Amino acid sequence: MDFSPTSNGCTRGIKCTADINGQCPSQLKAPGGCNNPCTVFKTDQYCCNSGRCAATNFSKFFKSRCPDAYSYPKDDQTSTFTCPAGTNYRVVFCP
């Protein structure tokens, strides 16, 4: 998927061309897709309920395939940004 701004001077978008469903770790496989680790394991390590959390092997797996994507609750440094209100976007499935 490619989600890119097309107006208001915003230039940063999100792009992921990996086949996440096809490469999904066996522990996270779900019918037709891939679950997130919090849904599967329900532990603080994966859900970050205490406010203290770090990247896990699963978040690193997703981040390595889709570097722009938000991969765990504290992944703000590389994956959080905003565009001004009124920005238009182009969404491309399977770029």
Protein backbone atom coordinates (compact mmCIF):
# COMPACT_ATOMS: atom_id res chain seq x y z
CA MET A 1 0.00 0.00 0.00
CA ASP A 2 1.15 3.52 -0.73
CA PHE A 3 -0.54 6.35 1.19
CA SER A 4 0.95 9.66 0.00
CA PRO A 5 -0.02 13.31 0.51
CA THR A 6 -0.65 15.30 -2.66
CA SER A 7 -1.16 18.83 -1.33
CA ASN A 8 -0.38 21.43 1.37
CA GLY A 9 3.39 20.97 1.07
CA CYS A 10 3.32 17.73 3.01
CA THR A 11 5.75 15.29 1.45
CA ARG A 12 6.00 12.36 3.85
CA GLY A 13 3.78 9.37 3.22
CA ILE A 14 3.67 5.71 4.13
CA LYS A 15 4.57 2.93 1.73
CA CYS A 16 4.76 -0.82 2.25
CA THR A 17 5.19 -3.21 -0.65
CA ALA A 18 5.81 -6.36 1.44
CA ASP A 19 3.43 -9.29 1.35
CA ILE A 20 2.72 -9.23 5.09
CA ASN A 21 -0.05 -11.82 4.93
CA GLY A 22 2.14 -14.19 2.92
CA GLN A 23 5.12 -13.73 5.24
CA CYS A 24 3.17 -13.62 8.51
CA PRO A 25 4.90 -15.48 11.37
CA SER A 26 3.10 -18.75 12.10
CA GLN A 27 2.16 -17.66 15.65
CA LEU A 28 0.27 -14.64 14.26
CA LYS A 29 -1.50 -16.24 11.29
CA ALA A 30 -5.23 -15.63 11.14
CA PRO A 31 -7.82 -16.55 8.52
CA GLY A 32 -7.13 -14.20 5.62
CA GLY A 33 -4.38 -12.25 7.35
CA CYS A 34 -2.03 -11.65 10.20
CA ASN A 35 -2.96 -10.75 13.80
CA ASN A 36 -1.00 -8.36 15.94
CA PRO A 37 0.93 -9.91 18.86
CA CYS A 38 -1.18 -8.15 21.53
CA THR A 39 -4.34 -9.82 20.20
CA VAL A 40 -2.66 -13.23 20.22
CA PHE A 41 -0.56 -13.20 23.40
CA LYS A 42 -2.35 -10.57 25.55
CA THR A 43 0.81 -9.77 27.54
CA ASP A 44 2.29 -6.44 28.54
CA GLN A 45 5.34 -7.18 26.42
CA TYR A 46 3.17 -6.98 23.30
CA CYS A 47 0.30 -4.75 24.47
CA CYS A 48 2.34 -2.11 26.33
CA ASN A 49 -0.30 -1.63 29.03
CA SER A 50 2.16 -0.45 31.68
CA GLY A 51 3.52 2.39 29.57
CA ARG A 52 6.91 0.74 29.41
CA CYS A 53 7.50 -1.20 26.24
CA ALA A 54 10.11 -1.78 23.61
CA ALA A 55 10.38 -3.29 20.18
CA THR A 56 9.90 -7.06 20.09
CA ASN A 57 10.93 -9.69 17.57
CA PHE A 58 7.47 -9.36 16.00
CA SER A 59 7.58 -5.56 15.74
CA LYS A 60 11.09 -5.83 14.26
CA PHE A 61 9.76 -8.35 11.73
CA PHE A 62 7.06 -5.91 10.57
CA LYS A 63 9.36 -2.87 10.70
CA SER A 64 11.98 -4.60 8.55
CA ARG A 65 9.37 -5.21 5.85
CA CYS A 66 7.51 -1.90 6.16
CA PRO A 67 9.91 0.72 7.61
CA ASP A 68 7.33 3.55 7.44
CA ALA A 69 4.66 1.67 9.40
CA TYR A 70 3.94 2.08 13.10
CA SER A 71 5.00 -1.32 14.45
CA TYR A 72 4.58 -1.10 18.25
CA PRO A 73 3.08 1.37 20.74
CA LYS A 74 6.28 3.40 21.32
CA ASP A 75 7.43 3.50 17.67
CA ASP A 76 7.00 7.28 17.55
CA GLN A 77 10.51 8.25 16.43
CA THR A 78 10.25 6.79 12.95
CA SER A 79 6.55 6.46 12.28
CA THR A 80 4.58 9.37 13.70
CA PHE A 81 4.09 12.52 11.68
CA THR A 82 1.27 14.81 10.68
CA CYS A 83 0.21 16.78 7.64
CA PRO A 84 -1.81 20.01 7.80
CA ALA A 85 -5.61 19.84 7.92
CA GLY A 86 -7.11 19.70 4.45
CA THR A 87 -4.27 17.69 2.94
CA ASN A 88 -5.33 15.42 0.09
CA TYR A 89 -3.94 11.92 -0.25
CA ARG A 90 -3.41 9.34 -2.95
CA VAL A 91 -3.93 5.72 -1.88
CA VAL A 92 -2.52 2.97 -4.07
CA PHE A 93 -3.16 -0.68 -3.30
CA CYS A 94 -0.43 -3.06 -4.48
CA PRO A 95 2.04 -0.43 -5.78
